[in-house]
Amino acid sequence: MLHKSGALTKDYFKSYLKLVLNSGDLSIEQAQEIVLQRLFGGDRSVLGKESLENFQRACEEIKQIKPSL
């Protein structure tokens, strides 16, 4: 889990999600859960509203491009 030190960007989350997806045969939902546990510690509010919104945007974009990953 990261400590709150400013908002994490959408691009940061997209890169992290791609890394997790490329590390195994995972669904987007599984990758999202892994990222939530690793970065948010399972608590969606721990990194702040802006980081959560950026995470959600990154997830939506990853869903659109996953077939090409």
N, C-alpha and C. Protein backbone atom coordinates (compact mmCIF):
# COMPACT_ATOMS: atom_id res chain seq x y z
N MET A 1 0.84 -1.18 0.00
CA MET A 1 0.00 0.00 0.00
C MET A 1 0.89 1.24 0.00
N LEU A 2 0.47 2.25 -0.73
CA LEU A 2 1.19 3.50 -0.79
C LEU A 2 0.71 4.43 0.30
N HIS A 3 1.60 5.31 0.72
CA HIS A 3 1.19 6.35 1.66
C HIS A 3 0.65 7.52 0.86
N LYS A 4 -0.28 8.23 1.44
CA LYS A 4 -0.90 9.37 0.75
C LYS A 4 0.12 10.50 0.65
N SER A 5 0.59 10.76 -0.56
CA SER A 5 1.56 11.82 -0.76
C SER A 5 1.21 12.64 -2.00
N GLY A 6 -0.04 12.71 -2.32
CA GLY A 6 -0.50 13.39 -3.52
C GLY A 6 -1.26 12.42 -4.39
N ALA A 7 -2.02 12.98 -5.30
CA ALA A 7 -2.86 12.14 -6.15
C ALA A 7 -2.02 11.38 -7.17
N LEU A 8 -2.36 10.12 -7.35
CA LEU A 8 -1.74 9.31 -8.37
C LEU A 8 -2.49 9.53 -9.68
N THR A 9 -1.77 9.55 -10.77
CA THR A 9 -2.37 9.88 -12.06
C THR A 9 -3.04 8.67 -12.72
N LYS A 10 -3.88 8.99 -13.67
CA LYS A 10 -4.54 7.95 -14.46
C LYS A 10 -3.49 7.13 -15.20
N ASP A 11 -2.48 7.78 -15.74
CA ASP A 11 -1.43 7.07 -16.47
C ASP A 11 -0.65 6.13 -15.55
N TYR A 12 -0.44 6.52 -14.32
CA TYR A 12 0.22 5.65 -13.35
C TYR A 12 -0.59 4.37 -13.17
N PHE A 13 -1.89 4.54 -12.95
CA PHE A 13 -2.75 3.37 -12.76
C PHE A 13 -2.84 2.51 -14.02
N LYS A 14 -2.90 3.13 -15.19
CA LYS A 14 -2.94 2.36 -16.44
C LYS A 14 -1.67 1.51 -16.57
N SER A 15 -0.53 2.11 -16.30
CA SER A 15 0.73 1.37 -16.38
C SER A 15 0.76 0.22 -15.40
N TYR A 16 0.29 0.46 -14.19
CA TYR A 16 0.29 -0.58 -13.17
C TYR A 16 -0.67 -1.71 -13.56
N LEU A 17 -1.83 -1.34 -14.05
CA LEU A 17 -2.80 -2.35 -14.49
C LEU A 17 -2.24 -3.18 -15.64
N LYS A 18 -1.58 -2.54 -16.60
CA LYS A 18 -0.98 -3.27 -17.72
C LYS A 18 0.09 -4.23 -17.21
N LEU A 19 0.89 -3.79 -16.27
CA LEU A 19 1.92 -4.64 -15.69
C LEU A 19 1.30 -5.88 -15.05
N VAL A 20 0.25 -5.68 -14.27
CA VAL A 20 -0.43 -6.79 -13.62
C VAL A 20 -1.06 -7.72 -14.65
N LEU A 21 -1.71 -7.15 -15.66
CA LEU A 21 -2.34 -7.97 -16.70
C LEU A 21 -1.31 -8.77 -17.48
N ASN A 22 -0.15 -8.19 -17.72
CA ASN A 22 0.88 -8.88 -18.50
C ASN A 22 1.64 -9.91 -17.67
N SER A 23 1.46 -9.90 -16.37
CA SER A 23 2.20 -10.84 -15.52
C SER A 23 1.54 -12.22 -15.44
N GLY A 24 0.34 -12.31 -15.94
CA GLY A 24 -0.35 -13.61 -15.90
C GLY A 24 -1.61 -13.57 -16.73
N ASP A 25 -2.29 -14.66 -16.78
CA ASP A 25 -3.53 -14.77 -17.54
C ASP A 25 -4.68 -14.35 -16.64
N LEU A 26 -4.84 -13.04 -16.49
CA LEU A 26 -5.83 -12.49 -15.57
C LEU A 26 -6.91 -11.72 -16.33
N SER A 27 -8.08 -11.70 -15.75
CA SER A 27 -9.14 -10.85 -16.29
C SER A 27 -8.91 -9.43 -15.80
N ILE A 28 -9.58 -8.49 -16.41
CA ILE A 28 -9.49 -7.10 -15.97
C ILE A 28 -9.95 -6.98 -14.53
N GLU A 29 -11.01 -7.69 -14.19
CA GLU A 29 -11.54 -7.64 -12.83
C GLU A 29 -10.53 -8.16 -11.81
N GLN A 30 -9.82 -9.24 -12.17
CA GLN A 30 -8.79 -9.77 -11.27
C GLN A 30 -7.65 -8.77 -11.11
N ALA A 31 -7.24 -8.15 -12.20
CA ALA A 31 -6.17 -7.16 -12.14
C ALA A 31 -6.59 -5.96 -11.30
N GLN A 32 -7.83 -5.52 -11.45
CA GLN A 32 -8.33 -4.40 -10.65
C GLN A 32 -8.28 -4.75 -9.17
N GLU A 33 -8.68 -5.94 -8.82
CA GLU A 33 -8.69 -6.37 -7.42
C GLU A 33 -7.27 -6.41 -6.86
N ILE A 34 -6.33 -6.91 -7.66
CA ILE A 34 -4.94 -6.95 -7.22
C ILE A 34 -4.42 -5.53 -6.96
N VAL A 35 -4.70 -4.62 -7.88
CA VAL A 35 -4.25 -3.24 -7.72
C VAL A 35 -4.91 -2.59 -6.51
N LEU A 36 -6.20 -2.84 -6.33
CA LEU A 36 -6.88 -2.30 -5.15
C LEU A 36 -6.22 -2.78 -3.87
N GLN A 37 -5.87 -4.04 -3.81
CA GLN A 37 -5.24 -4.58 -2.61
C GLN A 37 -3.83 -4.04 -2.41
N ARG A 38 -3.06 -4.00 -3.49
CA ARG A 38 -1.66 -3.58 -3.38
C ARG A 38 -1.50 -2.09 -3.14
N LEU A 39 -2.25 -1.28 -3.84
CA LEU A 39 -2.06 0.17 -3.75
C LEU A 39 -2.99 0.85 -2.76
N PHE A 40 -4.21 0.35 -2.66
CA PHE A 40 -5.18 0.97 -1.78
C PHE A 40 -5.33 0.20 -0.47
N GLY A 41 -4.70 -0.94 -0.37
CA GLY A 41 -4.86 -1.76 0.83
C GLY A 41 -6.29 -2.21 1.03
N GLY A 42 -7.06 -2.27 -0.06
CA GLY A 42 -8.46 -2.67 0.01
C GLY A 42 -9.41 -1.56 0.42
N ASP A 43 -8.86 -0.39 0.76
CA ASP A 43 -9.68 0.75 1.20
C ASP A 43 -9.65 1.83 0.12
N ARG A 44 -10.72 1.92 -0.63
CA ARG A 44 -10.77 2.84 -1.77
C ARG A 44 -10.58 4.30 -1.39
N SER A 45 -10.73 4.66 -0.14
CA SER A 45 -10.61 6.06 0.25
C SER A 45 -9.21 6.44 0.74
N VAL A 46 -8.34 5.45 0.91
CA VAL A 46 -7.05 5.70 1.55
C VAL A 46 -6.14 6.65 0.77
N LEU A 47 -6.21 6.66 -0.54
CA LEU A 47 -5.36 7.54 -1.33
C LEU A 47 -6.05 8.82 -1.79
N GLY A 48 -7.27 9.01 -1.34
CA GLY A 48 -7.99 10.24 -1.67
C GLY A 48 -8.91 10.09 -2.87
N LYS A 49 -9.81 11.03 -2.97
CA LYS A 49 -10.83 11.01 -4.01
C LYS A 49 -10.25 11.11 -5.42
N GLU A 50 -9.27 11.99 -5.60
CA GLU A 50 -8.70 12.19 -6.93
C GLU A 50 -7.98 10.93 -7.42
N SER A 51 -7.23 10.28 -6.55
CA SER A 51 -6.56 9.03 -6.94
C SER A 51 -7.58 7.96 -7.29
N LEU A 52 -8.64 7.85 -6.50
CA LEU A 52 -9.68 6.85 -6.78
C LEU A 52 -10.33 7.13 -8.13
N GLU A 53 -10.64 8.38 -8.41
CA GLU A 53 -11.24 8.74 -9.70
C GLU A 53 -10.28 8.42 -10.85
N ASN A 54 -8.99 8.69 -10.66
CA ASN A 54 -8.00 8.37 -11.69
C ASN A 54 -7.89 6.85 -11.89
N PHE A 55 -7.97 6.09 -10.80
CA PHE A 55 -7.96 4.63 -10.89
C PHE A 55 -9.17 4.15 -11.70
N GLN A 56 -10.33 4.69 -11.41
CA GLN A 56 -11.55 4.29 -12.11
C GLN A 56 -11.47 4.65 -13.60
N ARG A 57 -10.91 5.81 -13.92
CA ARG A 57 -10.74 6.20 -15.33
C ARG A 57 -9.77 5.25 -16.03
N ALA A 58 -8.69 4.93 -15.35
CA ALA A 58 -7.71 4.01 -15.92
C ALA A 58 -8.34 2.65 -16.19
N CYS A 59 -9.15 2.17 -15.27
CA CYS A 59 -9.84 0.88 -15.45
C CYS A 59 -10.73 0.91 -16.67
N GLU A 60 -11.46 1.99 -16.86
CA GLU A 60 -12.33 2.11 -18.02
C GLU A 60 -11.52 2.10 -19.32
N GLU A 61 -10.40 2.81 -19.33
CA GLU A 61 -9.58 2.84 -20.53
C GLU A 61 -8.95 1.48 -20.81
N ILE A 62 -8.51 0.79 -19.77
CA ILE A 62 -7.92 -0.54 -19.93
C ILE A 62 -8.96 -1.50 -20.51
N LYS A 63 -10.21 -1.39 -20.08
CA LYS A 63 -11.27 -2.26 -20.61
C LYS A 63 -11.41 -2.07 -22.11
N GLN A 64 -11.16 -0.85 -22.60
CA GLN A 64 -11.31 -0.57 -24.02
C GLN A 64 -10.13 -1.11 -24.84
N ILE A 65 -8.95 -1.22 -24.21
CA ILE A 65 -7.77 -1.63 -24.98
C ILE A 65 -7.26 -3.03 -24.65
N LYS A 66 -7.86 -3.71 -23.68
CA LYS A 66 -7.33 -5.00 -23.24
C LYS A 66 -7.11 -6.01 -24.36
N PRO A 67 -7.98 -6.14 -25.34
CA PRO A 67 -7.72 -7.14 -26.37
C PRO A 67 -6.37 -6.98 -27.07
N SER A 68 -5.84 -5.75 -27.09
CA SER A 68 -4.57 -5.52 -27.78
C SER A 68 -3.37 -5.64 -26.85
N LEU A 69 -3.58 -5.89 -25.56
CA LEU A 69 -2.45 -6.01 -24.63
C LEU A 69 -1.73 -7.32 -24.80
